Protein backbone atom coordinates (compact mmCIF):
# COMPACT_ATOMS: atom_id res chain seq x y z
CA MET A 1 112.26 133.31 67.82
CA THR A 2 114.08 133.12 71.16
CA ALA A 3 111.97 131.16 74.23
CA SER A 4 112.01 134.44 75.84
CA ARG A 5 109.27 136.16 73.62
CA HIS A 6 106.76 133.89 74.01
CA SER A 7 103.94 134.24 77.00
CA VAL A 8 103.31 130.71 78.78
CA LYS A 9 100.71 131.15 80.98
CA LEU A 10 100.29 128.02 83.69
CA PRO A 11 97.88 127.21 86.32
CA ALA A 12 97.21 128.75 89.39
CA ALA A 13 98.38 124.80 90.77
CA LEU A 14 101.63 125.73 89.28
CA TYR A 15 102.41 129.17 91.00
CA THR A 16 104.03 129.29 94.10
CA ILE A 17 102.86 130.15 97.40
CA ALA A 18 104.01 133.55 97.49
CA MET A 19 101.75 134.51 94.45
CA GLN A 20 98.71 132.88 95.91
CA PRO A 21 98.60 134.80 99.20
CA GLU A 22 95.21 133.19 100.73
CA LEU A 23 96.25 129.40 100.09
CA HIS A 24 99.53 130.27 102.29
CA MET A 25 98.24 128.89 105.58
CA THR A 26 96.68 126.06 104.63
CA ASP A 27 99.99 125.38 102.17
CA GLU A 28 101.87 125.86 104.51
CA LEU A 29 99.87 123.84 107.14
CA GLU A 30 99.82 120.52 104.48
CA THR A 31 103.84 121.21 103.64
CA ARG A 32 104.12 120.62 107.46
CA ARG A 33 101.96 117.34 107.36
CA ARG A 34 103.67 115.82 104.58
CA ARG A 35 106.57 117.09 106.04
CA ALA A 36 106.26 114.58 109.41
CA SER A 37 104.17 112.32 107.74
CA TYR A 38 107.91 111.66 105.56
CA ARG A 39 109.90 111.84 108.55
CA ALA A 40 107.03 109.45 110.96
CA HIS A 41 107.31 106.83 108.00
CA HIS A 42 111.52 107.27 107.98
CA ARG A 43 112.32 107.26 111.25
CA GLY A 44 115.70 104.23 110.55
CA THR A 45 114.32 101.75 111.93
CA LYS A 46 111.31 99.45 110.72
CA GLU A 47 109.23 99.35 113.71
CA MET A 48 109.23 102.59 114.40
CA ASP A 49 108.36 103.17 110.97
CA VAL A 50 105.43 101.20 110.92
CA LEU A 51 104.27 102.22 114.92
CA VAL A 52 104.76 106.08 113.90
CA GLY A 53 103.81 106.34 110.35
CA ARG A 54 100.96 104.24 110.30
CA TYR A 55 99.62 107.10 112.83
CA ALA A 56 100.34 109.53 111.55
CA ASP A 57 98.53 108.57 108.11
CA ASP A 58 95.74 108.42 110.53
CA ARG A 59 96.10 111.69 112.54
CA LEU A 60 97.84 113.56 110.97
CA PRO A 61 95.36 115.21 108.43
CA GLY A 62 93.30 116.82 111.16
CA TYR A 63 95.79 117.70 113.48
CA SER A 64 95.99 122.24 113.46
CA GLY A 65 99.18 123.55 113.12
CA GLU A 66 100.07 123.49 117.10
CA GLU A 67 99.47 120.05 117.51
CA ILE A 68 101.62 119.49 114.00
CA ALA A 69 104.36 121.78 116.29
CA ARG A 70 104.42 119.16 119.08
CA PHE A 71 103.86 116.31 116.76
CA GLU A 72 107.76 117.91 115.20
CA ARG A 73 108.71 117.87 118.58
CA PHE A 74 107.87 114.63 119.08
CA LEU A 75 109.34 113.31 116.47
CA THR A 76 113.02 114.84 117.13
CA ILE A 77 112.87 112.04 120.64
CA PRO A 78 115.32 108.66 119.30
CA ASP A 79 114.02 106.24 117.84
CA PRO A 80 115.47 103.81 121.43
CA ALA A 81 113.29 105.94 124.15
CA LEU A 82 110.09 106.07 121.64
CA GLN A 83 110.71 102.07 121.52
CA GLN A 84 110.66 101.82 125.38
CA TRP A 85 107.57 104.20 125.70
CA ILE A 86 105.69 102.38 122.98
CA PHE A 87 106.28 99.16 123.51
CA SER A 88 106.32 98.99 127.35
CA GLY A 89 103.79 101.54 128.00
CA GLU A 90 106.99 102.59 130.58
CA GLY A 91 108.96 105.58 131.36
CA PHE A 92 107.40 109.19 129.75
CA ALA A 93 104.66 110.03 132.04
CA GLY A 94 104.67 113.71 133.03
CA ILE A 95 105.63 114.69 129.97
CA GLU A 96 104.62 116.77 127.12
CA PHE A 97 103.94 113.84 124.49
CA GLU A 98 102.15 111.20 127.32
CA ASP A 99 98.52 112.08 126.30
CA LEU A 100 100.36 111.36 122.38
CA VAL A 101 102.73 108.14 123.23
CA ASN A 102 98.98 106.91 124.89
CA ASP A 103 96.81 107.68 121.86
CA ILE A 104 99.64 105.81 119.44
CA ARG A 105 100.00 102.64 122.32
CA ALA A 106 95.75 102.69 121.36
CA PHE A 107 96.04 103.13 117.89
CA HIS A 108 98.15 100.07 118.04
CA GLY A 109 95.92 97.83 120.72
CA LEU A 110 98.84 97.81 123.31
CA SER A 111 96.57 99.53 125.80
CA ALA A 112 93.29 99.37 127.14
CA THR A 113 91.42 103.02 125.49
CA ALA A 114 91.30 104.44 122.59
CA SER A 115 91.16 107.62 121.70
């Protein structure tokens, strides 16, 4: 007999998201969280991998889709700019990511307030 004649029942976990429409939204957010976490841990410099990666580990699980989108935009900023913002605490006032940079700084004990 050939393999095509055998029918194999796969566990639900192995079906694609398209086969499980009720899981689509949750899985999509979880996939985005995992991708953002990976990008946060693989910035290009070890210092930023640690700073942004550890923050992502703590915060991403609770992020909504909109918050993940903002974090994904944040991850597109080059390391030298992020490093300056996080370590110096200057140069990011009034930008879209001001509260995010302040939260990262607080998370790592680089500023007086934590959220």
